[in-house]
Amino acid sequence: MEQKPRKRGASRKGIPNKVTKGVKDNILDVFERIGGVKNFAAWAQENQTEFYRHYAKLLPLDINASVSGHLTIIVDKTV
C-alpha cells in the first residue's frame, strides 16, 4: 500500500493560526482604545439597522435542536 506524503506547514486542527490570533488581538485592543462596549452601544443605538446586519452575520446558519415540552424564546433588543 502506497503511503501519502506527510503534509508540512499546516496547523493541527483546533490550533489557532498565529496571524488570525494576532489580528483578533489587535481588533480587541483597538475596540478598547476607542471606548469599548460603552461607545459600541452608543453607535448601535444610532445605527440599529447596521448593527443588526452585522449581528445577524454572527448567528449560526443552522440550529439543530430537539425539544420536548414547552419552549420559550426571548429576544432582548435592548442595548
PDB file of N, CA and C in Angstrom:
ATOM      1  N   MET A   1       0.838  -1.171   0.000  1.00  0.00           N
ATOM      2  CA  MET A   1       0.000   0.000   0.000  1.00  0.00           C
ATOM      3  C   MET A   1       0.889   1.242   0.000  1.00  0.00           C
ATOM      4  N   GLU A   2       0.586   2.162  -0.886  1.00  0.00           N
ATOM      5  CA  GLU A   2       1.397   3.368  -1.034  1.00  0.00           C
ATOM      6  C   GLU A   2       0.994   4.407   0.011  1.00  0.00           C
ATOM      7  N   GLN A   3       1.998   4.974   0.687  1.00  0.00           N
ATOM      8  CA  GLN A   3       1.726   5.997   1.689  1.00  0.00           C
ATOM      9  C   GLN A   3       1.717   7.367   1.041  1.00  0.00           C
ATOM     10  N   LYS A   4       0.777   8.190   1.485  1.00  0.00           N
ATOM     11  CA  LYS A   4       0.733   9.567   1.015  1.00  0.00           C
ATOM     12  C   LYS A   4       1.822  10.346   1.734  1.00  0.00           C
ATOM     13  N   PRO A   5       2.445  11.295   1.039  1.00  0.00           N
ATOM     14  CA  PRO A   5       3.449  12.109   1.723  1.00  0.00           C
ATOM     15  C   PRO A   5       2.802  12.957   2.810  1.00  0.00           C
ATOM     16  N   ARG A   6       3.521  13.128   3.917  1.00  0.00           N
ATOM     17  CA  ARG A   6       3.007  13.912   5.036  1.00  0.00           C
ATOM     18  C   ARG A   6       2.987  15.387   4.676  1.00  0.00           C
ATOM     19  N   LYS A   7       1.868  16.043   4.956  1.00  0.00           N
ATOM     20  CA  LYS A   7       1.756  17.476   4.709  1.00  0.00           C
ATOM     21  C   LYS A   7       2.647  18.217   5.700  1.00  0.00           C
ATOM     22  N   ARG A   8       3.257  19.254   5.228  1.00  0.00           N
ATOM     23  CA  ARG A   8       4.117  20.065   6.087  1.00  0.00           C
ATOM     24  C   ARG A   8       3.591  21.497   6.125  1.00  0.00           C
ATOM     25  N   GLY A   9       3.761  22.158   7.262  1.00  0.00           N
ATOM     26  CA  GLY A   9       3.423  23.569   7.359  1.00  0.00           C
ATOM     27  C   GLY A   9       1.998  23.862   7.787  1.00  0.00           C
ATOM     28  N   ALA A  10       1.156  22.883   7.803  1.00  0.00           N
ATOM     29  CA  ALA A  10      -0.241  23.124   8.185  1.00  0.00           C
ATOM     30  C   ALA A  10      -0.385  22.995   9.700  1.00  0.00           C
ATOM     31  N   SER A  11      -1.276  23.782  10.265  1.00  0.00           N
ATOM     32  CA  SER A  11      -1.556  23.702  11.693  1.00  0.00           C
ATOM     33  C   SER A  11      -2.419  22.491  11.978  1.00  0.00           C
ATOM     34  N   ARG A  12      -2.310  22.011  13.200  1.00  0.00           N
ATOM     35  CA  ARG A  12      -3.200  20.935  13.628  1.00  0.00           C
ATOM     36  C   ARG A  12      -4.593  21.503  13.857  1.00  0.00           C
ATOM     37  N   LYS A  13      -5.585  20.664  13.689  1.00  0.00           N
ATOM     38  CA  LYS A  13      -6.965  21.078  13.886  1.00  0.00           C
ATOM     39  C   LYS A  13      -7.148  21.594  15.314  1.00  0.00           C
ATOM     40  N   GLY A  14      -7.823  22.756  15.434  1.00  0.00           N
ATOM     41  CA  GLY A  14      -8.096  23.330  16.737  1.00  0.00           C
ATOM     42  C   GLY A  14      -7.031  24.294  17.230  1.00  0.00           C
ATOM     43  N   ILE A  15      -5.896  24.358  16.546  1.00  0.00           N
ATOM     44  CA  ILE A  15      -4.829  25.287  16.926  1.00  0.00           C
ATOM     45  C   ILE A  15      -5.023  26.572  16.132  1.00  0.00           C
ATOM     46  N   PRO A  16      -5.219  27.724  16.810  1.00  0.00           N
ATOM     47  CA  PRO A  16      -5.456  28.968  16.078  1.00  0.00           C
ATOM     48  C   PRO A  16      -4.235  29.391  15.254  1.00  0.00           C
ATOM     49  N   ASN A  17      -4.483  29.894  14.078  1.00  0.00           N
ATOM     50  CA  ASN A  17      -3.437  30.430  13.223  1.00  0.00           C
ATOM     51  C   ASN A  17      -2.848  31.663  13.908  1.00  0.00           C
ATOM     52  N   LYS A  18      -1.511  31.794  13.913  1.00  0.00           N
ATOM     53  CA  LYS A  18      -0.853  32.908  14.607  1.00  0.00           C
ATOM     54  C   LYS A  18      -1.261  34.257  14.024  1.00  0.00           C
ATOM     55  N   VAL A  19      -1.389  34.337  12.698  1.00  0.00           N
ATOM     56  CA  VAL A  19      -1.786  35.601  12.069  1.00  0.00           C
ATOM     57  C   VAL A  19      -3.213  35.945  12.457  1.00  0.00           C
ATOM     58  N   THR A  20      -4.112  34.978  12.390  1.00  0.00           N
ATOM     59  CA  THR A  20      -5.511  35.206  12.754  1.00  0.00           C
ATOM     60  C   THR A  20      -5.619  35.646  14.206  1.00  0.00           C
ATOM     61  N   LYS A  21      -4.886  34.981  15.094  1.00  0.00           N
ATOM     62  CA  LYS A  21      -4.918  35.354  16.510  1.00  0.00           C
ATOM     63  C   LYS A  21      -4.388  36.771  16.686  1.00  0.00           C
ATOM     64  N   GLY A  22      -3.332  37.130  15.986  1.00  0.00           N
ATOM     65  CA  GLY A  22      -2.774  38.475  16.075  1.00  0.00           C
ATOM     66  C   GLY A  22      -3.764  39.534  15.627  1.00  0.00           C
ATOM     67  N   VAL A  23      -4.467  39.251  14.527  1.00  0.00           N
ATOM     68  CA  VAL A  23      -5.466  40.195  14.013  1.00  0.00           C
ATOM     69  C   VAL A  23      -6.593  40.359  15.030  1.00  0.00           C
ATOM     70  N   LYS A  24      -7.079  39.270  15.589  1.00  0.00           N
ATOM     71  CA  LYS A  24      -8.155  39.345  16.584  1.00  0.00           C
ATOM     72  C   LYS A  24      -7.699  40.134  17.810  1.00  0.00           C
ATOM     73  N   ASP A  25      -6.464  39.886  18.268  1.00  0.00           N
ATOM     74  CA  ASP A  25      -5.939  40.623  19.420  1.00  0.00           C
ATOM     75  C   ASP A  25      -5.860  42.114  19.117  1.00  0.00           C
ATOM     76  N   ASN A  26      -5.435  42.464  17.916  1.00  0.00           N
ATOM     77  CA  ASN A  26      -5.347  43.879  17.528  1.00  0.00           C
ATOM     78  C   ASN A  26      -6.719  44.538  17.490  1.00  0.00           C
ATOM     79  N   ILE A  27      -7.703  43.837  16.953  1.00  0.00           N
ATOM     80  CA  ILE A  27      -9.065  44.387  16.885  1.00  0.00           C
ATOM     81  C   ILE A  27      -9.606  44.625  18.294  1.00  0.00           C
ATOM     82  N   LEU A  28      -9.389  43.669  19.199  1.00  0.00           N
ATOM     83  CA  LEU A  28      -9.849  43.843  20.579  1.00  0.00           C
ATOM     84  C   LEU A  28      -9.141  45.017  21.248  1.00  0.00           C
ATOM     85  N   ASP A  29      -7.855  45.195  20.973  1.00  0.00           N
ATOM     86  CA  ASP A  29      -7.108  46.318  21.539  1.00  0.00           C
ATOM     87  C   ASP A  29      -7.681  47.652  21.045  1.00  0.00           C
ATOM     88  N   VAL A  30      -7.916  47.748  19.747  1.00  0.00           N
ATOM     89  CA  VAL A  30      -8.481  48.976  19.175  1.00  0.00           C
ATOM     90  C   VAL A  30      -9.878  49.219  19.734  1.00  0.00           C
ATOM     91  N   PHE A  31     -10.676  48.176  19.857  1.00  0.00           N
ATOM     92  CA  PHE A  31     -12.026  48.284  20.414  1.00  0.00           C
ATOM     93  C   PHE A  31     -11.983  48.949  21.790  1.00  0.00           C
ATOM     94  N   GLU A  32     -11.077  48.491  22.640  1.00  0.00           N
ATOM     95  CA  GLU A  32     -10.961  49.071  23.981  1.00  0.00           C
ATOM     96  C   GLU A  32     -10.464  50.516  23.919  1.00  0.00           C
ATOM     97  N   ARG A  33      -9.538  50.810  23.027  1.00  0.00           N
ATOM     98  CA  ARG A  33      -8.977  52.162  22.918  1.00  0.00           C
ATOM     99  C   ARG A  33     -10.007  53.194  22.440  1.00  0.00           C
ATOM    100  N   ILE A  34     -10.992  52.747  21.649  1.00  0.00           N
ATOM    101  CA  ILE A  34     -11.990  53.701  21.135  1.00  0.00           C
ATOM    102  C   ILE A  34     -13.264  53.741  21.983  1.00  0.00           C
ATOM    103  N   GLY A  35     -13.197  53.154  23.172  1.00  0.00           N
ATOM    104  CA  GLY A  35     -14.334  53.303  24.081  1.00  0.00           C
ATOM    105  C   GLY A  35     -15.032  52.020  24.460  1.00  0.00           C
ATOM    106  N   GLY A  36     -14.645  50.903  23.877  1.00  0.00           N
ATOM    107  CA  GLY A  36     -15.194  49.610  24.273  1.00  0.00           C
ATOM    108  C   GLY A  36     -16.699  49.504  24.124  1.00  0.00           C
ATOM    109  N   VAL A  37     -17.294  48.767  25.039  1.00  0.00           N
ATOM    110  CA  VAL A  37     -18.725  48.458  24.975  1.00  0.00           C
ATOM    111  C   VAL A  37     -19.580  49.727  25.052  1.00  0.00           C
ATOM    112  N   LYS A  38     -19.189  50.682  25.878  1.00  0.00           N
ATOM    113  CA  LYS A  38     -19.987  51.904  26.038  1.00  0.00           C
ATOM    114  C   LYS A  38     -20.147  52.634  24.694  1.00  0.00           C
ATOM    115  N   ASN A  39     -19.051  52.853  23.989  1.00  0.00           N
ATOM    116  CA  ASN A  39     -19.137  53.542  22.695  1.00  0.00           C
ATOM    117  C   ASN A  39     -19.801  52.675  21.630  1.00  0.00           C
ATOM    118  N   PHE A  40     -19.571  51.372  21.705  1.00  0.00           N
ATOM    119  CA  PHE A  40     -20.201  50.471  20.736  1.00  0.00           C
ATOM    120  C   PHE A  40     -21.718  50.498  20.900  1.00  0.00           C
ATOM    121  N   ALA A  41     -22.186  50.499  22.146  1.00  0.00           N
ATOM    122  CA  ALA A  41     -23.627  50.563  22.407  1.00  0.00           C
ATOM    123  C   ALA A  41     -24.216  51.871  21.904  1.00  0.00           C
ATOM    124  N   ALA A  42     -23.488  52.970  22.099  1.00  0.00           N
ATOM    125  CA  ALA A  42     -23.968  54.276  21.618  1.00  0.00           C
ATOM    126  C   ALA A  42     -24.062  54.262  20.090  1.00  0.00           C
ATOM    127  N   TRP A  43     -23.042  53.694  19.436  1.00  0.00           N
ATOM    128  CA  TRP A  43     -23.073  53.595  17.967  1.00  0.00           C
ATOM    129  C   TRP A  43     -24.244  52.714  17.526  1.00  0.00           C
ATOM    130  N   ALA A  44     -24.427  51.588  18.194  1.00  0.00           N
ATOM    131  CA  ALA A  44     -25.507  50.668  17.832  1.00  0.00           C
ATOM    132  C   ALA A  44     -26.876  51.323  17.979  1.00  0.00           C
ATOM    133  N   GLN A  45     -27.036  52.133  18.999  1.00  0.00           N
ATOM    134  CA  GLN A  45     -28.305  52.836  19.213  1.00  0.00           C
ATOM    135  C   GLN A  45     -28.611  53.771  18.046  1.00  0.00           C
ATOM    136  N   GLU A  46     -27.593  54.421  17.522  1.00  0.00           N
ATOM    137  CA  GLU A  46     -27.763  55.361  16.406  1.00  0.00           C
ATOM    138  C   GLU A  46     -27.805  54.668  15.045  1.00  0.00           C
ATOM    139  N   ASN A  47     -27.322  53.437  14.972  1.00  0.00           N
ATOM    140  CA  ASN A  47     -27.202  52.709  13.701  1.00  0.00           C
ATOM    141  C   ASN A  47     -27.766  51.294  13.850  1.00  0.00           C
ATOM    142  N   GLN A  48     -29.018  51.207  14.288  1.00  0.00           N
ATOM    143  CA  GLN A  48     -29.586  49.897  14.609  1.00  0.00           C
ATOM    144  C   GLN A  48     -29.645  48.958  13.408  1.00  0.00           C
ATOM    145  N   THR A  49     -30.001  49.463  12.249  1.00  0.00           N
ATOM    146  CA  THR A  49     -30.077  48.598  11.068  1.00  0.00           C
ATOM    147  C   THR A  49     -28.715  48.001  10.758  1.00  0.00           C
ATOM    148  N   GLU A  50     -27.688  48.825  10.780  1.00  0.00           N
ATOM    149  CA  GLU A  50     -26.331  48.351  10.509  1.00  0.00           C
ATOM    150  C   GLU A  50     -25.858  47.383  11.593  1.00  0.00           C
ATOM    151  N   PHE A  51     -26.175  47.690  12.843  1.00  0.00           N
ATOM    152  CA  PHE A  51     -25.799  46.801  13.947  1.00  0.00           C
ATOM    153  C   PHE A  51     -26.416  45.422  13.758  1.00  0.00           C
ATOM    154  N   TYR A  52     -27.716  45.375  13.499  1.00  0.00           N
ATOM    155  CA  TYR A  52     -28.382  44.080  13.342  1.00  0.00           C
ATOM    156  C   TYR A  52     -27.910  43.350  12.091  1.00  0.00           C
ATOM    157  N   ARG A  53     -27.520  44.071  11.066  1.00  0.00           N
ATOM    158  CA  ARG A  53     -26.963  43.435   9.864  1.00  0.00           C
ATOM    159  C   ARG A  53     -25.677  42.681  10.233  1.00  0.00           C
ATOM    160  N   HIS A  54     -24.818  43.335  10.997  1.00  0.00           N
ATOM    161  CA  HIS A  54     -23.567  42.684  11.427  1.00  0.00           C
ATOM    162  C   HIS A  54     -23.843  41.576  12.439  1.00  0.00           C
ATOM    163  N   TYR A  55     -24.763  41.824  13.339  1.00  0.00           N
ATOM    164  CA  TYR A  55     -25.108  40.835  14.359  1.00  0.00           C
ATOM    165  C   TYR A  55     -25.628  39.548  13.715  1.00  0.00           C
ATOM    166  N   ALA A  56     -26.456  39.680  12.710  1.00  0.00           N
ATOM    167  CA  ALA A  56     -27.028  38.514  12.033  1.00  0.00           C
ATOM    168  C   ALA A  56     -25.952  37.655  11.390  1.00  0.00           C
ATOM    169  N   LYS A  57     -24.872  38.271  10.952  1.00  0.00           N
ATOM    170  CA  LYS A  57     -23.776  37.515  10.327  1.00  0.00           C
ATOM    171  C   LYS A  57     -23.056  36.623  11.332  1.00  0.00           C
ATOM    172  N   LEU A  58     -23.177  36.927  12.612  1.00  0.00           N
ATOM    173  CA  LEU A  58     -22.516  36.136  13.644  1.00  0.00           C
ATOM    174  C   LEU A  58     -23.353  34.949  14.117  1.00  0.00           C
ATOM    175  N   LEU A  59     -24.624  34.944  13.758  1.00  0.00           N
ATOM    176  CA  LEU A  59     -25.507  33.859  14.174  1.00  0.00           C
ATOM    177  C   LEU A  59     -25.236  32.609  13.352  1.00  0.00           C
ATOM    178  N   PRO A  60     -25.386  31.428  13.952  1.00  0.00           N
ATOM    179  CA  PRO A  60     -25.204  30.200  13.179  1.00  0.00           C
ATOM    180  C   PRO A  60     -26.284  30.084  12.102  1.00  0.00           C
ATOM    181  N   LEU A  61     -25.894  29.515  10.963  1.00  0.00           N
ATOM    182  CA  LEU A  61     -26.850  29.357   9.866  1.00  0.00           C
ATOM    183  C   LEU A  61     -27.876  28.277  10.160  1.00  0.00           C
ATOM    184  N   ASP A  62     -27.444  27.225  10.828  1.00  0.00           N
ATOM    185  CA  ASP A  62     -28.338  26.120  11.155  1.00  0.00           C
ATOM    186  C   ASP A  62     -28.367  25.932  12.665  1.00  0.00           C
ATOM    187  N   ILE A  63     -29.550  25.749  13.182  1.00  0.00           N
ATOM    188  CA  ILE A  63     -29.695  25.427  14.591  1.00  0.00           C
ATOM    189  C   ILE A  63     -30.435  24.103  14.667  1.00  0.00           C
ATOM    190  N   ASN A  64     -29.769  23.091  15.200  1.00  0.00           N
ATOM    191  CA  ASN A  64     -30.380  21.781  15.352  1.00  0.00           C
ATOM    192  C   ASN A  64     -30.722  21.602  16.818  1.00  0.00           C
ATOM    193  N   ALA A  65     -31.981  21.354  17.099  1.00  0.00           N
ATOM    194  CA  ALA A  65     -32.398  21.197  18.489  1.00  0.00           C
ATOM    195  C   ALA A  65     -33.512  20.164  18.573  1.00  0.00           C
ATOM    196  N   SER A  66     -33.519  19.508  19.679  1.00  0.00           N
ATOM    197  CA  SER A  66     -34.594  18.571  19.976  1.00  0.00           C
ATOM    198  C   SER A  66     -35.259  19.075  21.261  1.00  0.00           C
ATOM    199  N   VAL A  67     -36.535  19.390  21.163  1.00  0.00           N
ATOM    200  CA  VAL A  67     -37.240  19.979  22.293  1.00  0.00           C
ATOM    201  C   VAL A  67     -38.462  19.137  22.600  1.00  0.00           C
ATOM    202  N   SER A  68     -38.622  18.820  23.865  1.00  0.00           N
ATOM    203  CA  SER A  68     -39.862  18.153  24.286  1.00  0.00           C
ATOM    204  C   SER A  68     -40.486  19.030  25.350  1.00  0.00           C
ATOM    205  N   GLY A  69     -41.745  19.285  25.212  1.00  0.00           N
ATOM    206  CA  GLY A  69     -42.420  20.153  26.164  1.00  0.00           C
ATOM    207  C   GLY A  69     -42.530  21.568  25.638  1.00  0.00           C
ATOM    208  N   HIS A  70     -42.583  22.521  26.549  1.00  0.00           N
ATOM    209  CA  HIS A  70     -42.810  23.930  26.224  1.00  0.00           C
ATOM    210  C   HIS A  70     -41.470  24.625  25.968  1.00  0.00           C
ATOM    211  N   LEU A  71     -41.399  25.447  24.924  1.00  0.00           N
ATOM    212  CA  LEU A  71     -40.193  26.196  24.587  1.00  0.00           C
ATOM    213  C   LEU A  71     -40.532  27.672  24.502  1.00  0.00           C
ATOM    214  N   THR A  72     -39.785  28.496  25.212  1.00  0.00           N
ATOM    215  CA  THR A  72     -39.955  29.940  25.152  1.00  0.00           C
ATOM    216  C   THR A  72     -38.666  30.552  24.642  1.00  0.00           C
ATOM    217  N   ILE A  73     -38.766  31.365  23.604  1.00  0.00           N
ATOM    218  CA  ILE A  73     -37.607  32.071  23.065  1.00  0.00           C
ATOM    219  C   ILE A  73     -37.827  33.555  23.311  1.00  0.00           C
ATOM    220  N   ILE A  74     -36.873  34.183  23.968  1.00  0.00           N
ATOM    221  CA  ILE A  74     -36.961  35.611  24.281  1.00  0.00           C
ATOM    222  C   ILE A  74     -35.858  36.324  23.524  1.00  0.00           C
ATOM    223  N   VAL A  75     -36.226  37.326  22.753  1.00  0.00           N
ATOM    224  CA  VAL A  75     -35.255  38.148  22.048  1.00  0.00           C
ATOM    225  C   VAL A  75     -35.255  39.513  22.711  1.00  0.00           C
ATOM    226  N   ASP A  76     -34.131  39.825  23.357  1.00  0.00           N
ATOM    227  CA  ASP A  76     -33.991  41.106  24.057  1.00  0.00           C
ATOM    228  C   ASP A  76     -33.234  42.064  23.156  1.00  0.00           C
ATOM    229  N   LYS A  77     -33.902  43.110  22.668  1.00  0.00           N
ATOM    230  CA  LYS A  77     -33.295  44.045  21.735  1.00  0.00           C
ATOM    231  C   LYS A  77     -32.760  45.285  22.426  1.00  0.00           C
ATOM    232  N   THR A  78     -32.714  45.285  23.769  1.00  0.00           N
ATOM    233  CA  THR A  78     -32.176  46.443  24.456  1.00  0.00           C
ATOM    234  C   THR A  78     -30.661  46.448  24.358  1.00  0.00           C
ATOM    235  N   VAL A  79     -30.101  47.637  24.294  1.00  0.00           N
ATOM    236  CA  VAL A  79     -28.639  47.751  24.205  1.00  0.00           C
ATOM    237  C   VAL A  79     -28.133  48.376  25.469  1.00  0.00           C
TER     238      VAL A  79
END
